[in-house]
Amino acid sequence: MILSMLSGGLLINLIILFVIVFLSALGVPGGMITLVSMGALSNNYSELILVIIVGAIAAIFGDLTAYLIARKFSAKVSSWLKKFKFYRNNESRAREQLNKSEFMMVFLTRFLFTTLCTAVSYISGLERLSKKKFIVAVVFGEILYALIFPVLGFFFKETWSDITNTIASTIIVLTLIILSGLITYFVVKKLRAKNKLK
């Protein structure tokens, strides 16, 4: 039954979902929007459940990878991470909150304070937070993350389609306005240059 469901574009969509959500846990943006989009693209509850399962597995593996990288190469990783804006912006806040309540901080940043999620994963590794505690918090938090956003996409798919169409239309209109403005600017500049020569 699962193999018949995975025929066609669904398998490719699930692979794309896994890759994007996994990379998102390492600091590349796009995981949440991809989960919502894949939820909106689901045609039935079976497809939605597959999206939730793949999303949760990818997020958990991504978080564990970030944690293990930071733990193994703590000195190198710390200086390397400071080059990235997402880490610099969230490091001190994440470290402060992590020191107050390790388990709850890891758990809540998976689905509630998602902007801190990646920073907390790396800092947990750098601070050598208990692996068992980290894994338990990540598993429960990422299951909620992978459940909330695809379900929102699935139940609000009409609204989601309208939003994405509006964004696409707005981008096209803005691009045309900018191009028209640039063309007008260069034509006017050329005409003024010709008039000065005369």
Protein backbone atom coordinates (compact mmCIF):
# COMPACT_ATOMS: atom_id res chain seq x y z
CA MET A 1 0.00 0.00 0.00
CA ILE A 2 2.80 2.44 0.92
CA LEU A 3 4.68 1.65 -2.31
CA SER A 4 1.59 2.39 -4.43
CA MET A 5 1.16 5.72 -2.61
CA LEU A 6 4.79 6.64 -3.29
CA SER A 7 4.42 6.41 -7.05
CA GLY A 8 4.74 9.53 -9.17
CA GLY A 9 5.54 12.94 -7.81
CA LEU A 10 4.88 12.14 -4.15
CA LEU A 11 8.17 10.25 -3.71
CA ILE A 12 10.13 13.14 -5.25
CA ASN A 13 8.25 15.64 -3.05
CA LEU A 14 9.08 13.58 0.06
CA ILE A 15 12.77 13.41 -0.88
CA ILE A 16 12.82 17.19 -1.44
CA LEU A 17 11.01 17.67 1.88
CA PHE A 18 13.55 15.50 3.71
CA VAL A 19 16.53 17.35 2.24
CA ILE A 20 15.15 20.85 2.90
CA VAL A 21 13.98 20.12 6.45
CA PHE A 22 17.29 18.36 7.26
CA LEU A 23 19.31 21.32 5.94
CA SER A 24 16.99 23.74 7.74
CA ALA A 25 17.94 22.12 11.04
CA LEU A 26 21.58 22.89 10.18
CA GLY A 27 20.83 26.57 9.49
CA VAL A 28 19.63 26.76 5.88
CA PRO A 29 16.23 28.53 5.85
CA GLY A 30 13.12 26.99 4.29
CA GLY A 31 12.04 24.06 6.45
CA MET A 32 8.84 25.50 7.89
CA ILE A 33 7.55 26.91 4.60
CA THR A 34 8.30 23.58 2.89
CA LEU A 35 6.34 21.66 5.54
CA VAL A 36 3.34 23.98 5.11
CA SER A 37 3.59 23.71 1.30
CA MET A 38 3.83 19.91 1.35
CA GLY A 39 0.87 19.78 3.70
CA ALA A 40 -1.10 21.94 1.25
CA LEU A 41 -0.07 19.67 -1.65
CA SER A 42 -1.29 16.53 0.17
CA ASN A 43 -4.43 15.14 -1.48
CA ASN A 44 -5.58 12.97 1.43
CA TYR A 45 -4.81 12.03 5.03
CA SER A 46 -2.46 9.20 3.99
CA GLU A 47 -0.22 11.62 2.08
CA LEU A 48 -0.40 14.10 4.95
CA ILE A 49 0.74 11.40 7.41
CA LEU A 50 3.71 10.58 5.14
CA VAL A 51 4.65 14.27 5.03
CA ILE A 52 4.47 14.44 8.84
CA ILE A 53 6.60 11.29 9.28
CA VAL A 54 9.27 12.34 6.75
CA GLY A 55 9.33 15.90 8.14
CA ALA A 56 9.78 14.65 11.72
CA ILE A 57 12.55 12.19 10.78
CA ALA A 58 14.41 14.84 8.74
CA ALA A 59 14.15 17.44 11.51
CA ILE A 60 15.32 14.98 14.20
CA PHE A 61 18.30 13.82 12.11
CA GLY A 62 19.17 17.44 11.28
CA ASP A 63 19.11 18.49 14.93
CA LEU A 64 21.22 15.51 15.99
CA THR A 65 23.71 16.22 13.21
CA ALA A 66 24.07 19.86 14.32
CA TYR A 67 24.48 18.77 17.95
CA LEU A 68 27.08 16.09 17.13
CA ILE A 69 29.08 18.36 14.81
CA ALA A 70 29.22 21.07 17.48
CA ARG A 71 30.10 18.55 20.19
CA LYS A 72 32.89 16.88 18.21
CA PHE A 73 34.53 19.98 16.77
CA SER A 74 33.57 22.50 19.47
CA ALA A 75 36.46 24.96 19.04
CA LYS A 76 36.41 24.99 15.23
CA VAL A 77 32.61 24.98 15.01
CA SER A 78 32.27 27.89 17.45
CA SER A 79 34.49 30.22 15.39
CA TRP A 80 32.94 29.00 12.11
CA LEU A 81 29.36 29.54 13.34
CA LYS A 82 30.10 33.15 14.32
CA LYS A 83 30.42 33.96 10.61
CA PHE A 84 26.69 33.32 10.15
CA LYS A 85 24.07 35.93 10.95
CA PHE A 86 21.42 33.43 12.17
CA TYR A 87 23.90 32.22 14.81
CA ARG A 88 25.29 35.62 15.85
CA ASN A 89 21.79 37.06 16.25
CA ASN A 90 20.55 34.23 18.44
CA GLU A 91 23.64 32.90 20.24
CA SER A 92 23.57 34.94 23.45
CA ARG A 93 19.79 34.69 23.88
CA ALA A 94 19.83 30.94 23.20
CA ARG A 95 22.80 30.34 25.54
CA GLU A 96 21.15 32.34 28.34
CA GLN A 97 17.85 30.45 28.01
CA LEU A 98 19.62 27.09 27.69
CA ASN A 99 21.46 27.67 30.96
CA LYS A 100 18.16 28.36 32.74
CA SER A 101 16.24 25.32 31.53
CA GLU A 102 18.04 22.93 29.20
CA PHE A 103 15.28 20.41 28.41
CA MET A 104 12.45 22.95 28.01
CA MET A 105 14.61 25.24 25.87
CA VAL A 106 15.51 22.47 23.43
CA PHE A 107 11.91 21.20 23.38
CA LEU A 108 10.22 24.60 22.89
CA THR A 109 12.62 25.84 20.22
CA ARG A 110 11.74 22.90 17.98
CA PHE A 111 8.19 24.14 17.28
CA LEU A 112 7.43 27.33 19.22
CA PHE A 113 10.54 29.54 19.04
CA THR A 114 11.80 28.12 15.75
CA THR A 115 14.17 31.03 15.05
CA LEU A 116 16.31 29.83 17.97
CA CYS A 117 16.15 26.14 17.03
CA THR A 118 19.40 25.84 15.06
CA ALA A 119 21.40 28.03 17.44
CA VAL A 120 20.18 25.96 20.42
CA SER A 121 21.18 22.70 18.67
CA TYR A 122 24.71 23.95 18.06
CA ILE A 123 25.05 25.51 21.51
CA SER A 124 23.77 22.28 23.11
CA GLY A 125 26.63 20.45 21.42
CA LEU A 126 29.19 23.12 22.29
CA GLU A 127 28.06 23.14 25.94
CA ARG A 128 28.01 19.30 25.93
CA LEU A 129 24.39 19.07 27.04
CA SER A 130 23.46 15.47 27.97
CA LYS A 131 22.91 13.56 24.72
CA LYS A 132 19.98 11.60 26.18
CA LYS A 133 18.24 14.77 27.40
CA PHE A 134 18.82 16.48 24.05
CA ILE A 135 17.49 13.54 22.02
CA VAL A 136 14.32 13.19 24.11
CA ALA A 137 13.59 16.94 23.87
CA VAL A 138 14.29 16.95 20.13
CA VAL A 139 12.12 13.90 19.36
CA PHE A 140 9.05 15.25 21.20
CA GLY A 141 9.56 18.81 19.94
CA GLU A 142 10.15 17.85 16.30
CA ILE A 143 7.12 15.54 16.23
CA LEU A 144 5.02 18.57 17.18
CA TYR A 145 6.85 20.73 14.59
CA ALA A 146 6.28 18.18 11.83
CA LEU A 147 2.64 17.85 12.87
CA ILE A 148 1.63 21.51 13.25
CA PHE A 149 2.85 23.03 9.99
CA PRO A 150 1.77 20.37 7.44
CA VAL A 151 -1.64 20.16 9.15
CA LEU A 152 -1.98 23.97 8.84
CA GLY A 153 -1.10 23.69 5.14
CA PHE A 154 -3.53 20.80 4.63
CA PHE A 155 -6.54 22.43 6.28
CA PHE A 156 -5.90 25.91 4.92
CA LYS A 157 -4.75 24.82 1.44
CA GLU A 158 -7.15 27.17 -0.36
CA THR A 159 -5.87 30.10 1.66
CA TRP A 160 -2.29 28.89 1.19
CA SER A 161 -2.78 28.71 -2.59
CA ASP A 162 -4.17 32.24 -2.55
CA ILE A 163 -1.21 33.47 -0.47
CA THR A 164 1.41 31.86 -2.75
CA ASN A 165 -0.39 33.16 -5.87
CA THR A 166 -0.52 36.65 -4.36
CA ILE A 167 3.19 36.52 -3.46
CA ALA A 168 4.10 35.29 -6.97
CA SER A 169 1.95 37.99 -8.60
CA THR A 170 3.41 40.69 -6.34
CA ILE A 171 6.96 39.61 -7.18
CA ILE A 172 6.17 39.72 -10.93
CA VAL A 173 4.57 43.17 -10.64
CA LEU A 174 7.47 44.53 -8.55
CA THR A 175 9.99 43.10 -11.02
CA LEU A 176 8.17 44.75 -13.93
CA ILE A 177 8.00 48.08 -12.06
CA ILE A 178 11.73 47.94 -11.25
CA LEU A 179 12.62 47.00 -14.84
CA SER A 180 10.41 49.79 -16.21
CA GLY A 181 12.01 52.25 -13.79
CA LEU A 182 15.53 51.18 -14.79
CA ILE A 183 14.75 51.38 -18.52
CA THR A 184 13.18 54.81 -18.07
CA TYR A 185 16.16 55.99 -16.02
CA PHE A 186 18.72 54.88 -18.64
CA VAL A 187 16.68 56.26 -21.58
CA VAL A 188 16.30 59.65 -19.85
CA LYS A 189 20.01 59.66 -18.96
CA LYS A 190 20.95 58.92 -22.58
CA LEU A 191 18.62 61.63 -23.90
CA ARG A 192 20.10 64.19 -21.49
CA ALA A 193 23.62 63.21 -22.52
CA LYS A 194 22.68 63.71 -26.23
CA ASN A 195 21.09 67.11 -25.48
CA LYS A 196 24.26 68.27 -23.67
CA LEU A 197 26.39 67.35 -26.70
CA LYS A 198 24.24 69.51 -28.96
